[in-house]
Amino acid sequence: MAVVTMTKPPLPVEVQAFLKRRGAEEEFELTLTAVQACYPELSGLEVSLQEDWEVDGWWHVILRVILPATFSEEHLGDRDRRFFQELVQQVPPTRFPDPVCLVSLGFADG
């Protein structure tokens, strides 16, 4: 797992290989663009490869957005709505019907 405090994370070798094998490099870049646009104050970004907990043999690239501990939870709902609108525009289901990139949110310790 790569943990960074910048908006363009280095990708672990296994994530790079998975994205290439699935032809999902563009999906990853567009998802990352949506993350950067909607969570510019992120304090870190973890990128990992994770097996689906419901479907055996199915894998996802997880982009875990780490927000500062001081980020207002009351603004989170608005930010999340904006993110999902941006995601649908950047990564439309008609173009990417079987997405491999998932985003999760967390807060920094502190």
PDB file of N, CA and C in Angstrom:
ATOM      1  N   MET A   1       0.847  -1.171   0.000  1.00  0.00           N
ATOM      2  CA  MET A   1       0.000   0.000   0.000  1.00  0.00           C
ATOM      3  C   MET A   1       0.892   1.233   0.000  1.00  0.00           C
ATOM      4  N   ALA A   2       0.576   2.201  -0.832  1.00  0.00           N
ATOM      5  CA  ALA A   2       1.334   3.451  -0.882  1.00  0.00           C
ATOM      6  C   ALA A   2       0.573   4.516  -0.102  1.00  0.00           C
ATOM      7  N   VAL A   3       1.238   5.181   0.838  1.00  0.00           N
ATOM      8  CA  VAL A   3       0.628   6.263   1.596  1.00  0.00           C
ATOM      9  C   VAL A   3       1.435   7.516   1.305  1.00  0.00           C
ATOM     10  N   VAL A   4       0.760   8.567   0.842  1.00  0.00           N
ATOM     11  CA  VAL A   4       1.456   9.784   0.452  1.00  0.00           C
ATOM     12  C   VAL A   4       0.686  11.000   0.920  1.00  0.00           C
ATOM     13  N   THR A   5       1.338  12.144   0.883  1.00  0.00           N
ATOM     14  CA  THR A   5       0.666  13.397   1.235  1.00  0.00           C
ATOM     15  C   THR A   5       0.629  14.322   0.039  1.00  0.00           C
ATOM     16  N   MET A   6       0.529  13.780  -1.136  1.00  0.00           N
ATOM     17  CA  MET A   6       0.392  14.571  -2.352  1.00  0.00           C
ATOM     18  C   MET A   6      -0.802  14.044  -3.125  1.00  0.00           C
ATOM     19  N   THR A   7      -1.238  14.779  -4.127  1.00  0.00           N
ATOM     20  CA  THR A   7      -2.431  14.367  -4.847  1.00  0.00           C
ATOM     21  C   THR A   7      -2.137  13.411  -5.996  1.00  0.00           C
ATOM     22  N   LYS A   8      -0.879  13.207  -6.361  1.00  0.00           N
ATOM     23  CA  LYS A   8      -0.531  12.258  -7.417  1.00  0.00           C
ATOM     24  C   LYS A   8       0.347  11.171  -6.796  1.00  0.00           C
ATOM     25  N   PRO A   9      -0.279  10.089  -6.340  1.00  0.00           N
ATOM     26  CA  PRO A   9       0.490   9.078  -5.620  1.00  0.00           C
ATOM     27  C   PRO A   9       1.315   8.193  -6.546  1.00  0.00           C
ATOM     28  N   PRO A  10       2.457   7.726  -6.056  1.00  0.00           N
ATOM     29  CA  PRO A  10       3.158   6.682  -6.801  1.00  0.00           C
ATOM     30  C   PRO A  10       2.329   5.397  -6.690  1.00  0.00           C
ATOM     31  N   LEU A  11       2.292   4.631  -7.740  1.00  0.00           N
ATOM     32  CA  LEU A  11       1.476   3.419  -7.728  1.00  0.00           C
ATOM     33  C   LEU A  11       2.337   2.197  -7.439  1.00  0.00           C
ATOM     34  N   PRO A  12       1.905   1.370  -6.499  1.00  0.00           N
ATOM     35  CA  PRO A  12       2.615   0.109  -6.275  1.00  0.00           C
ATOM     36  C   PRO A  12       2.645  -0.705  -7.573  1.00  0.00           C
ATOM     37  N   VAL A  13       3.680  -1.496  -7.734  1.00  0.00           N
ATOM     38  CA  VAL A  13       3.871  -2.282  -8.955  1.00  0.00           C
ATOM     39  C   VAL A  13       2.654  -3.155  -9.244  1.00  0.00           C
ATOM     40  N   GLU A  14       2.087  -3.775  -8.203  1.00  0.00           N
ATOM     41  CA  GLU A  14       0.940  -4.664  -8.428  1.00  0.00           C
ATOM     42  C   GLU A  14      -0.286  -3.890  -8.905  1.00  0.00           C
ATOM     43  N   VAL A  15      -0.437  -2.641  -8.482  1.00  0.00           N
ATOM     44  CA  VAL A  15      -1.551  -1.813  -8.953  1.00  0.00           C
ATOM     45  C   VAL A  15      -1.326  -1.441 -10.417  1.00  0.00           C
ATOM     46  N   GLN A  16      -0.108  -1.040 -10.746  1.00  0.00           N
ATOM     47  CA  GLN A  16       0.211  -0.709 -12.139  1.00  0.00           C
ATOM     48  C   GLN A  16      -0.068  -1.896 -13.059  1.00  0.00           C
ATOM     49  N   ALA A  17       0.384  -3.084 -12.655  1.00  0.00           N
ATOM     50  CA  ALA A  17       0.195  -4.283 -13.477  1.00  0.00           C
ATOM     51  C   ALA A  17      -1.290  -4.611 -13.632  1.00  0.00           C
ATOM     52  N   PHE A  18      -2.041  -4.488 -12.547  1.00  0.00           N
ATOM     53  CA  PHE A  18      -3.473  -4.764 -12.594  1.00  0.00           C
ATOM     54  C   PHE A  18      -4.186  -3.801 -13.526  1.00  0.00           C
ATOM     55  N   LEU A  19      -3.898  -2.497 -13.397  1.00  0.00           N
ATOM     56  CA  LEU A  19      -4.537  -1.502 -14.260  1.00  0.00           C
ATOM     57  C   LEU A  19      -4.218  -1.771 -15.724  1.00  0.00           C
ATOM     58  N   LYS A  20      -2.983  -2.111 -16.006  1.00  0.00           N
ATOM     59  CA  LYS A  20      -2.590  -2.404 -17.394  1.00  0.00           C
ATOM     60  C   LYS A  20      -3.304  -3.652 -17.907  1.00  0.00           C
ATOM     61  N   ARG A  21      -3.315  -4.691 -17.088  1.00  0.00           N
ATOM     62  CA  ARG A  21      -3.959  -5.950 -17.481  1.00  0.00           C
ATOM     63  C   ARG A  21      -5.452  -5.750 -17.758  1.00  0.00           C
ATOM     64  N   ARG A  22      -6.108  -4.916 -16.966  1.00  0.00           N
ATOM     65  CA  ARG A  22      -7.540  -4.650 -17.136  1.00  0.00           C
ATOM     66  C   ARG A  22      -7.833  -3.524 -18.128  1.00  0.00           C
ATOM     67  N   GLY A  23      -6.777  -2.859 -18.639  1.00  0.00           N
ATOM     68  CA  GLY A  23      -6.998  -1.729 -19.541  1.00  0.00           C
ATOM     69  C   GLY A  23      -7.683  -0.581 -18.831  1.00  0.00           C
ATOM     70  N   ALA A  24      -7.348  -0.374 -17.545  1.00  0.00           N
ATOM     71  CA  ALA A  24      -8.063   0.596 -16.716  1.00  0.00           C
ATOM     72  C   ALA A  24      -7.212   1.800 -16.320  1.00  0.00           C
ATOM     73  N   GLU A  25      -6.118   2.037 -17.021  1.00  0.00           N
ATOM     74  CA  GLU A  25      -5.268   3.187 -16.687  1.00  0.00           C
ATOM     75  C   GLU A  25      -6.044   4.505 -16.805  1.00  0.00           C
ATOM     76  N   GLU A  26      -6.830   4.637 -17.871  1.00  0.00           N
ATOM     77  CA  GLU A  26      -7.601   5.869 -18.065  1.00  0.00           C
ATOM     78  C   GLU A  26      -8.666   6.022 -16.979  1.00  0.00           C
ATOM     79  N   GLU A  27      -9.336   4.938 -16.647  1.00  0.00           N
ATOM     80  CA  GLU A  27     -10.336   4.997 -15.567  1.00  0.00           C
ATOM     81  C   GLU A  27      -9.681   5.483 -14.272  1.00  0.00           C
ATOM     82  N   PHE A  28      -8.488   4.967 -13.955  1.00  0.00           N
ATOM     83  CA  PHE A  28      -7.790   5.388 -12.744  1.00  0.00           C
ATOM     84  C   PHE A  28      -7.476   6.882 -12.798  1.00  0.00           C
ATOM     85  N   GLU A  29      -6.936   7.348 -13.900  1.00  0.00           N
ATOM     86  CA  GLU A  29      -6.565   8.763 -14.027  1.00  0.00           C
ATOM     87  C   GLU A  29      -7.794   9.676 -13.911  1.00  0.00           C
ATOM     88  N   LEU A  30      -8.901   9.284 -14.523  1.00  0.00           N
ATOM     89  CA  LEU A  30     -10.121  10.084 -14.446  1.00  0.00           C
ATOM     90  C   LEU A  30     -10.709  10.079 -13.027  1.00  0.00           C
ATOM     91  N   THR A  31     -10.637   8.938 -12.363  1.00  0.00           N
ATOM     92  CA  THR A  31     -11.105   8.856 -10.974  1.00  0.00           C
ATOM     93  C   THR A  31     -10.229   9.736 -10.087  1.00  0.00           C
ATOM     94  N   LEU A  32      -8.933   9.689 -10.302  1.00  0.00           N
ATOM     95  CA  LEU A  32      -8.003  10.525  -9.535  1.00  0.00           C
ATOM     96  C   LEU A  32      -8.287  12.010  -9.778  1.00  0.00           C
ATOM     97  N   THR A  33      -8.602  12.377 -11.014  1.00  0.00           N
ATOM     98  CA  THR A  33      -8.946  13.768 -11.340  1.00  0.00           C
ATOM     99  C   THR A  33     -10.181  14.216 -10.554  1.00  0.00           C
ATOM    100  N   ALA A  34     -11.185  13.345 -10.465  1.00  0.00           N
ATOM    101  CA  ALA A  34     -12.394  13.671  -9.707  1.00  0.00           C
ATOM    102  C   ALA A  34     -12.070  13.823  -8.222  1.00  0.00           C
ATOM    103  N   VAL A  35     -11.220  12.965  -7.689  1.00  0.00           N
ATOM    104  CA  VAL A  35     -10.801  13.070  -6.286  1.00  0.00           C
ATOM    105  C   VAL A  35     -10.108  14.403  -6.046  1.00  0.00           C
ATOM    106  N   GLN A  36      -9.164  14.744  -6.919  1.00  0.00           N
ATOM    107  CA  GLN A  36      -8.416  15.999  -6.765  1.00  0.00           C
ATOM    108  C   GLN A  36      -9.324  17.217  -6.844  1.00  0.00           C
ATOM    109  N   ALA A  37     -10.318  17.172  -7.727  1.00  0.00           N
ATOM    110  CA  ALA A  37     -11.220  18.311  -7.900  1.00  0.00           C
ATOM    111  C   ALA A  37     -12.126  18.502  -6.687  1.00  0.00           C
ATOM    112  N   CYS A  38     -12.528  17.419  -6.067  1.00  0.00           N
ATOM    113  CA  CYS A  38     -13.536  17.507  -5.003  1.00  0.00           C
ATOM    114  C   CYS A  38     -12.964  17.473  -3.590  1.00  0.00           C
ATOM    115  N   TYR A  39     -11.747  17.004  -3.445  1.00  0.00           N
ATOM    116  CA  TYR A  39     -11.107  16.940  -2.123  1.00  0.00           C
ATOM    117  C   TYR A  39      -9.699  17.542  -2.202  1.00  0.00           C
ATOM    118  N   PRO A  40      -9.586  18.824  -2.592  1.00  0.00           N
ATOM    119  CA  PRO A  40      -8.253  19.412  -2.782  1.00  0.00           C
ATOM    120  C   PRO A  40      -7.439  19.504  -1.484  1.00  0.00           C
ATOM    121  N   GLU A  41      -8.114  19.468  -0.344  1.00  0.00           N
ATOM    122  CA  GLU A  41      -7.398  19.588   0.915  1.00  0.00           C
ATOM    123  C   GLU A  41      -6.991  18.241   1.495  1.00  0.00           C
ATOM    124  N   LEU A  42      -7.091  17.182   0.717  1.00  0.00           N
ATOM    125  CA  LEU A  42      -6.731  15.871   1.249  1.00  0.00           C
ATOM    126  C   LEU A  42      -5.331  15.913   1.845  1.00  0.00           C
ATOM    127  N   SER A  43      -5.149  15.185   2.909  1.00  0.00           N
ATOM    128  CA  SER A  43      -3.836  15.171   3.559  1.00  0.00           C
ATOM    129  C   SER A  43      -3.055  13.927   3.183  1.00  0.00           C
ATOM    130  N   GLY A  44      -3.682  13.017   2.505  1.00  0.00           N
ATOM    131  CA  GLY A  44      -2.992  11.817   2.051  1.00  0.00           C
ATOM    132  C   GLY A  44      -3.876  11.011   1.127  1.00  0.00           C
ATOM    133  N   LEU A  45      -3.253  10.093   0.423  1.00  0.00           N
ATOM    134  CA  LEU A  45      -3.973   9.228  -0.501  1.00  0.00           C
ATOM    135  C   LEU A  45      -3.293   7.872  -0.488  1.00  0.00           C
ATOM    136  N   GLU A  46      -4.049   6.845  -0.159  1.00  0.00           N
ATOM    137  CA  GLU A  46      -3.532   5.478  -0.156  1.00  0.00           C
ATOM    138  C   GLU A  46      -4.100   4.767  -1.372  1.00  0.00           C
ATOM    139  N   VAL A  47      -3.241   4.089  -2.101  1.00  0.00           N
ATOM    140  CA  VAL A  47      -3.676   3.327  -3.272  1.00  0.00           C
ATOM    141  C   VAL A  47      -3.287   1.872  -3.041  1.00  0.00           C
ATOM    142  N   SER A  48      -4.279   0.991  -3.161  1.00  0.00           N
ATOM    143  CA  SER A  48      -3.993  -0.423  -2.937  1.00  0.00           C
ATOM    144  C   SER A  48      -4.866  -1.283  -3.839  1.00  0.00           C
ATOM    145  N   LEU A  49      -4.498  -2.533  -3.925  1.00  0.00           N
ATOM    146  CA  LEU A  49      -5.264  -3.526  -4.663  1.00  0.00           C
ATOM    147  C   LEU A  49      -5.962  -4.396  -3.626  1.00  0.00           C
ATOM    148  N   GLN A  50      -7.257  -4.591  -3.799  1.00  0.00           N
ATOM    149  CA  GLN A  50      -8.024  -5.332  -2.795  1.00  0.00           C
ATOM    150  C   GLN A  50      -9.001  -6.273  -3.480  1.00  0.00           C
ATOM    151  N   GLU A  51      -9.079  -7.492  -2.970  1.00  0.00           N
ATOM    152  CA  GLU A  51     -10.043  -8.447  -3.505  1.00  0.00           C
ATOM    153  C   GLU A  51     -11.441  -8.078  -3.024  1.00  0.00           C
ATOM    154  N   ASP A  52     -12.410  -8.220  -3.894  1.00  0.00           N
ATOM    155  CA  ASP A  52     -13.807  -7.939  -3.554  1.00  0.00           C
ATOM    156  C   ASP A  52     -14.239  -8.876  -2.436  1.00  0.00           C
ATOM    157  N   TRP A  53     -14.932  -8.317  -1.446  1.00  0.00           N
ATOM    158  CA  TRP A  53     -15.349  -9.130  -0.300  1.00  0.00           C
ATOM    159  C   TRP A  53     -16.591  -9.946  -0.578  1.00  0.00           C
ATOM    160  N   GLU A  54     -17.245  -9.701  -1.718  1.00  0.00           N
ATOM    161  CA  GLU A  54     -18.448 -10.456  -2.058  1.00  0.00           C
ATOM    162  C   GLU A  54     -18.253 -11.422  -3.225  1.00  0.00           C
ATOM    163  N   VAL A  55     -17.347 -11.067  -4.147  1.00  0.00           N
ATOM    164  CA  VAL A  55     -17.177 -11.877  -5.350  1.00  0.00           C
ATOM    165  C   VAL A  55     -15.750 -12.419  -5.383  1.00  0.00           C
ATOM    166  N   ASP A  56     -15.615 -13.738  -5.225  1.00  0.00           N
ATOM    167  CA  ASP A  56     -14.293 -14.360  -5.249  1.00  0.00           C
ATOM    168  C   ASP A  56     -13.599 -14.120  -6.581  1.00  0.00           C
ATOM    169  N   GLY A  57     -12.327 -13.775  -6.510  1.00  0.00           N
ATOM    170  CA  GLY A  57     -11.536 -13.589  -7.714  1.00  0.00           C
ATOM    171  C   GLY A  57     -11.694 -12.231  -8.380  1.00  0.00           C
ATOM    172  N   TRP A  58     -12.498 -11.356  -7.832  1.00  0.00           N
ATOM    173  CA  TRP A  58     -12.706 -10.026  -8.399  1.00  0.00           C
ATOM    174  C   TRP A  58     -11.917  -9.025  -7.575  1.00  0.00           C
ATOM    175  N   TRP A  59     -11.142  -8.185  -8.247  1.00  0.00           N
ATOM    176  CA  TRP A  59     -10.246  -7.253  -7.568  1.00  0.00           C
ATOM    177  C   TRP A  59     -10.577  -5.810  -7.932  1.00  0.00           C
ATOM    178  N   HIS A  60     -10.224  -4.890  -7.034  1.00  0.00           N
ATOM    179  CA  HIS A  60     -10.431  -3.461  -7.238  1.00  0.00           C
ATOM    180  C   HIS A  60      -9.174  -2.696  -6.846  1.00  0.00           C
ATOM    181  N   VAL A  61      -8.993  -1.550  -7.487  1.00  0.00           N
ATOM    182  CA  VAL A  61      -7.999  -0.583  -7.032  1.00  0.00           C
ATOM    183  C   VAL A  61      -8.746   0.361  -6.100  1.00  0.00           C
ATOM    184  N   ILE A  62      -8.258   0.474  -4.881  1.00  0.00           N
ATOM    185  CA  ILE A  62      -8.892   1.326  -3.873  1.00  0.00           C
ATOM    186  C   ILE A  62      -8.086   2.614  -3.737  1.00  0.00           C
ATOM    187  N   LEU A  63      -8.749   3.737  -3.926  1.00  0.00           N
ATOM    188  CA  LEU A  63      -8.149   5.043  -3.652  1.00  0.00           C
ATOM    189  C   LEU A  63      -8.754   5.518  -2.335  1.00  0.00           C
ATOM    190  N   ARG A  64      -7.970   5.496  -1.292  1.00  0.00           N
ATOM    191  CA  ARG A  64      -8.468   5.919   0.027  1.00  0.00           C
ATOM    192  C   ARG A  64      -8.029   7.346   0.268  1.00  0.00           C
ATOM    193  N   VAL A  65      -8.986   8.246   0.238  1.00  0.00           N
ATOM    194  CA  VAL A  65      -8.752   9.670   0.454  1.00  0.00           C
ATOM    195  C   VAL A  65      -8.674   9.905   1.956  1.00  0.00           C
ATOM    196  N   ILE A  66      -7.575  10.498   2.407  1.00  0.00           N
ATOM    197  CA  ILE A  66      -7.408  10.821   3.820  1.00  0.00           C
ATOM    198  C   ILE A  66      -7.597  12.330   3.964  1.00  0.00           C
ATOM    199  N   LEU A  67      -8.653  12.703   4.660  1.00  0.00           N
ATOM    200  CA  LEU A  67      -8.936  14.117   4.909  1.00  0.00           C
ATOM    201  C   LEU A  67      -8.316  14.538   6.240  1.00  0.00           C
ATOM    202  N   PRO A  68      -7.964  15.813   6.375  1.00  0.00           N
ATOM    203  CA  PRO A  68      -7.398  16.280   7.648  1.00  0.00           C
ATOM    204  C   PRO A  68      -8.367  16.026   8.804  1.00  0.00           C
ATOM    205  N   ALA A  69      -7.821  15.775   9.972  1.00  0.00           N
ATOM    206  CA  ALA A  69      -8.649  15.541  11.157  1.00  0.00           C
ATOM    207  C   ALA A  69      -9.555  16.734  11.439  1.00  0.00           C
ATOM    208  N   THR A  70      -9.144  17.906  10.998  1.00  0.00           N
ATOM    209  CA  THR A  70      -9.914  19.131  11.238  1.00  0.00           C
ATOM    210  C   THR A  70     -11.002  19.374  10.188  1.00  0.00           C
ATOM    211  N   PHE A  71     -11.101  18.498   9.177  1.00  0.00           N
ATOM    212  CA  PHE A  71     -12.119  18.674   8.135  1.00  0.00           C
ATOM    213  C   PHE A  71     -13.504  18.573   8.758  1.00  0.00           C
ATOM    214  N   SER A  72     -14.358  19.512   8.422  1.00  0.00           N
ATOM    215  CA  SER A  72     -15.696  19.588   9.005  1.00  0.00           C
ATOM    216  C   SER A  72     -16.590  18.478   8.454  1.00  0.00           C
ATOM    217  N   GLU A  73     -17.076  17.650   9.347  1.00  0.00           N
ATOM    218  CA  GLU A  73     -17.969  16.570   8.925  1.00  0.00           C
ATOM    219  C   GLU A  73     -19.272  17.104   8.348  1.00  0.00           C
ATOM    220  N   GLU A  74     -19.681  18.303   8.762  1.00  0.00           N
ATOM    221  CA  GLU A  74     -20.928  18.861   8.228  1.00  0.00           C
ATOM    222  C   GLU A  74     -20.807  19.225   6.750  1.00  0.00           C
ATOM    223  N   HIS A  75     -19.588  19.425   6.261  1.00  0.00           N
ATOM    224  CA  HIS A  75     -19.379  19.708   4.840  1.00  0.00           C
ATOM    225  C   HIS A  75     -19.197  18.430   4.013  1.00  0.00           C
ATOM    226  N   LEU A  76     -19.045  17.322   4.706  1.00  0.00           N
ATOM    227  CA  LEU A  76     -18.746  16.067   4.022  1.00  0.00           C
ATOM    228  C   LEU A  76     -19.868  15.629   3.085  1.00  0.00           C
ATOM    229  N   GLY A  77     -21.122  15.767   3.493  1.00  0.00           N
ATOM    230  CA  GLY A  77     -22.239  15.364   2.638  1.00  0.00           C
ATOM    231  C   GLY A  77     -22.274  16.125   1.331  1.00  0.00           C
ATOM    232  N   ASP A  78     -22.091  17.444   1.402  1.00  0.00           N
ATOM    233  CA  ASP A  78     -22.056  18.255   0.179  1.00  0.00           C
ATOM    234  C   ASP A  78     -20.886  17.865  -0.704  1.00  0.00           C
ATOM    235  N   ARG A  79     -19.740  17.649  -0.075  1.00  0.00           N
ATOM    236  CA  ARG A  79     -18.547  17.285  -0.833  1.00  0.00           C
ATOM    237  C   ARG A  79     -18.719  15.932  -1.507  1.00  0.00           C
ATOM    238  N   ASP A  80     -19.324  14.987  -0.785  1.00  0.00           N
ATOM    239  CA  ASP A  80     -19.560  13.664  -1.360  1.00  0.00           C
ATOM    240  C   ASP A  80     -20.508  13.734  -2.549  1.00  0.00           C
ATOM    241  N   ARG A  81     -21.581  14.515  -2.433  1.00  0.00           N
ATOM    242  CA  ARG A  81     -22.511  14.672  -3.565  1.00  0.00           C
ATOM    243  C   ARG A  81     -21.782  15.247  -4.773  1.00  0.00           C
ATOM    244  N   ARG A  82     -20.974  16.264  -4.541  1.00  0.00           N
ATOM    245  CA  ARG A  82     -20.203  16.865  -5.633  1.00  0.00           C
ATOM    246  C   ARG A  82     -19.257  15.836  -6.251  1.00  0.00           C
ATOM    247  N   PHE A  83     -18.623  15.034  -5.407  1.00  0.00           N
ATOM    248  CA  PHE A  83     -17.700  14.019  -5.916  1.00  0.00           C
ATOM    249  C   PHE A  83     -18.427  13.017  -6.808  1.00  0.00           C
ATOM    250  N   PHE A  84     -19.569  12.502  -6.365  1.00  0.00           N
ATOM    251  CA  PHE A  84     -20.270  11.507  -7.169  1.00  0.00           C
ATOM    252  C   PHE A  84     -20.796  12.093  -8.479  1.00  0.00           C
ATOM    253  N   GLN A  85     -21.199  13.365  -8.467  1.00  0.00           N
ATOM    254  CA  GLN A  85     -21.584  14.022  -9.718  1.00  0.00           C
ATOM    255  C   GLN A  85     -20.376  14.122 -10.655  1.00  0.00           C
ATOM    256  N   GLU A  86     -19.251  14.521 -10.107  1.00  0.00           N
ATOM    257  CA  GLU A  86     -18.014  14.626 -10.895  1.00  0.00           C
ATOM    258  C   GLU A  86     -17.587  13.257 -11.419  1.00  0.00           C
ATOM    259  N   LEU A  87     -17.690  12.243 -10.585  1.00  0.00           N
ATOM    260  CA  LEU A  87     -17.295  10.895 -10.982  1.00  0.00           C
ATOM    261  C   LEU A  87     -18.143  10.388 -12.142  1.00  0.00           C
ATOM    262  N   VAL A  88     -19.440  10.628 -12.083  1.00  0.00           N
ATOM    263  CA  VAL A  88     -20.320  10.186 -13.177  1.00  0.00           C
ATOM    264  C   VAL A  88     -19.979  10.929 -14.470  1.00  0.00           C
ATOM    265  N   GLN A  89     -19.571  12.192 -14.360  1.00  0.00           N
ATOM    266  CA  GLN A  89     -19.167  12.938 -15.555  1.00  0.00           C
ATOM    267  C   GLN A  89     -17.817  12.459 -16.080  1.00  0.00           C
ATOM    268  N   GLN A  90     -16.864  12.245 -15.180  1.00  0.00           N
ATOM    269  CA  GLN A  90     -15.508  11.845 -15.591  1.00  0.00           C
ATOM    270  C   GLN A  90     -15.434  10.373 -16.015  1.00  0.00           C
ATOM    271  N   VAL A  91     -16.170   9.523 -15.306  1.00  0.00           N
ATOM    272  CA  VAL A  91     -16.122   8.073 -15.534  1.00  0.00           C
ATOM    273  C   VAL A  91     -17.553   7.576 -15.761  1.00  0.00           C
ATOM    274  N   PRO A  92     -18.161   7.974 -16.883  1.00  0.00           N
ATOM    275  CA  PRO A  92     -19.571   7.624 -17.101  1.00  0.00           C
ATOM    276  C   PRO A  92     -19.768   6.114 -17.236  1.00  0.00           C
ATOM    277  N   PRO A  93     -20.824   5.601 -16.620  1.00  0.00           N
ATOM    278  CA  PRO A  93     -21.095   4.157 -16.688  1.00  0.00           C
ATOM    279  C   PRO A  93     -21.266   3.635 -18.111  1.00  0.00           C
ATOM    280  N   THR A  94     -21.714   4.487 -19.033  1.00  0.00           N
ATOM    281  CA  THR A  94     -21.862   4.036 -20.419  1.00  0.00           C
ATOM    282  C   THR A  94     -20.504   3.775 -21.068  1.00  0.00           C
ATOM    283  N   ARG A  95     -19.473   4.469 -20.602  1.00  0.00           N
ATOM    284  CA  ARG A  95     -18.124   4.283 -21.153  1.00  0.00           C
ATOM    285  C   ARG A  95     -17.303   3.288 -20.344  1.00  0.00           C
ATOM    286  N   PHE A  96     -17.578   3.222 -19.035  1.00  0.00           N
ATOM    287  CA  PHE A  96     -16.862   2.320 -18.129  1.00  0.00           C
ATOM    288  C   PHE A  96     -17.899   1.474 -17.380  1.00  0.00           C
ATOM    289  N   PRO A  97     -18.529   0.505 -18.078  1.00  0.00           N
ATOM    290  CA  PRO A  97     -19.631  -0.243 -17.458  1.00  0.00           C
ATOM    291  C   PRO A  97     -19.190  -1.194 -16.337  1.00  0.00           C
ATOM    292  N   ASP A  98     -17.907  -1.494 -16.283  1.00  0.00           N
ATOM    293  CA  ASP A  98     -17.405  -2.456 -15.302  1.00  0.00           C
ATOM    294  C   ASP A  98     -16.201  -1.849 -14.579  1.00  0.00           C
ATOM    295  N   PRO A  99     -16.420  -0.810 -13.773  1.00  0.00           N
ATOM    296  CA  PRO A  99     -15.293  -0.083 -13.185  1.00  0.00           C
ATOM    297  C   PRO A  99     -14.500  -0.930 -12.189  1.00  0.00           C
ATOM    298  N   VAL A 100     -13.189  -0.672 -12.144  1.00  0.00           N
ATOM    299  CA  VAL A 100     -12.327  -1.389 -11.206  1.00  0.00           C
ATOM    300  C   VAL A 100     -11.820  -0.480 -10.084  1.00  0.00           C
ATOM    301  N   CYS A 101     -11.994   0.835 -10.228  1.00  0.00           N
ATOM    302  CA  CYS A 101     -11.494   1.781  -9.230  1.00  0.00           C
ATOM    303  C   CYS A 101     -12.610   2.172  -8.265  1.00  0.00           C
ATOM    304  N   LEU A 102     -12.315   2.072  -6.979  1.00  0.00           N
ATOM    305  CA  LEU A 102     -13.260   2.467  -5.934  1.00  0.00           C
ATOM    306  C   LEU A 102     -12.589   3.503  -5.043  1.00  0.00           C
ATOM    307  N   VAL A 103     -13.402   4.375  -4.471  1.00  0.00           N
ATOM    308  CA  VAL A 103     -12.882   5.443  -3.610  1.00  0.00           C
ATOM    309  C   VAL A 103     -13.500   5.280  -2.231  1.00  0.00           C
ATOM    310  N   SER A 104     -12.653   5.415  -1.201  1.00  0.00           N
ATOM    311  CA  SER A 104     -13.153   5.446   0.165  1.00  0.00           C
ATOM    312  C   SER A 104     -12.564   6.652   0.867  1.00  0.00           C
ATOM    313  N   LEU A 105     -13.252   7.114   1.896  1.00  0.00           N
ATOM    314  CA  LEU A 105     -12.816   8.292   2.638  1.00  0.00           C
ATOM    315  C   LEU A 105     -12.448   7.917   4.065  1.00  0.00           C
ATOM    316  N   GLY A 106     -11.462   8.609   4.590  1.00  0.00           N
ATOM    317  CA  GLY A 106     -11.079   8.448   5.979  1.00  0.00           C
ATOM    318  C   GLY A 106     -10.522   9.765   6.490  1.00  0.00           C
ATOM    319  N   PHE A 107     -10.296   9.837   7.777  1.00  0.00           N
ATOM    320  CA  PHE A 107      -9.762  11.039   8.402  1.00  0.00           C
ATOM    321  C   PHE A 107      -8.393  10.732   8.995  1.00  0.00           C
ATOM    322  N   ALA A 108      -7.512  11.701   8.913  1.00  0.00           N
ATOM    323  CA  ALA A 108      -6.187  11.566   9.509  1.00  0.00           C
ATOM    324  C   ALA A 108      -6.326  11.499  11.025  1.00  0.00           C
ATOM    325  N   ASP A 109      -5.423  10.820  11.662  1.00  0.00           N
ATOM    326  CA  ASP A 109      -5.399  10.780  13.129  1.00  0.00           C
ATOM    327  C   ASP A 109      -5.042  12.166  13.648  1.00  0.00           C
ATOM    328  N   GLY A 110      -5.614  12.496  14.756  1.00  0.00           N
ATOM    329  CA  GLY A 110      -5.154  13.731  15.337  1.00  0.00           C
ATOM    330  C   GLY A 110      -6.187  14.593  15.856  1.00  0.00           C
TER     331      GLY A 110
END
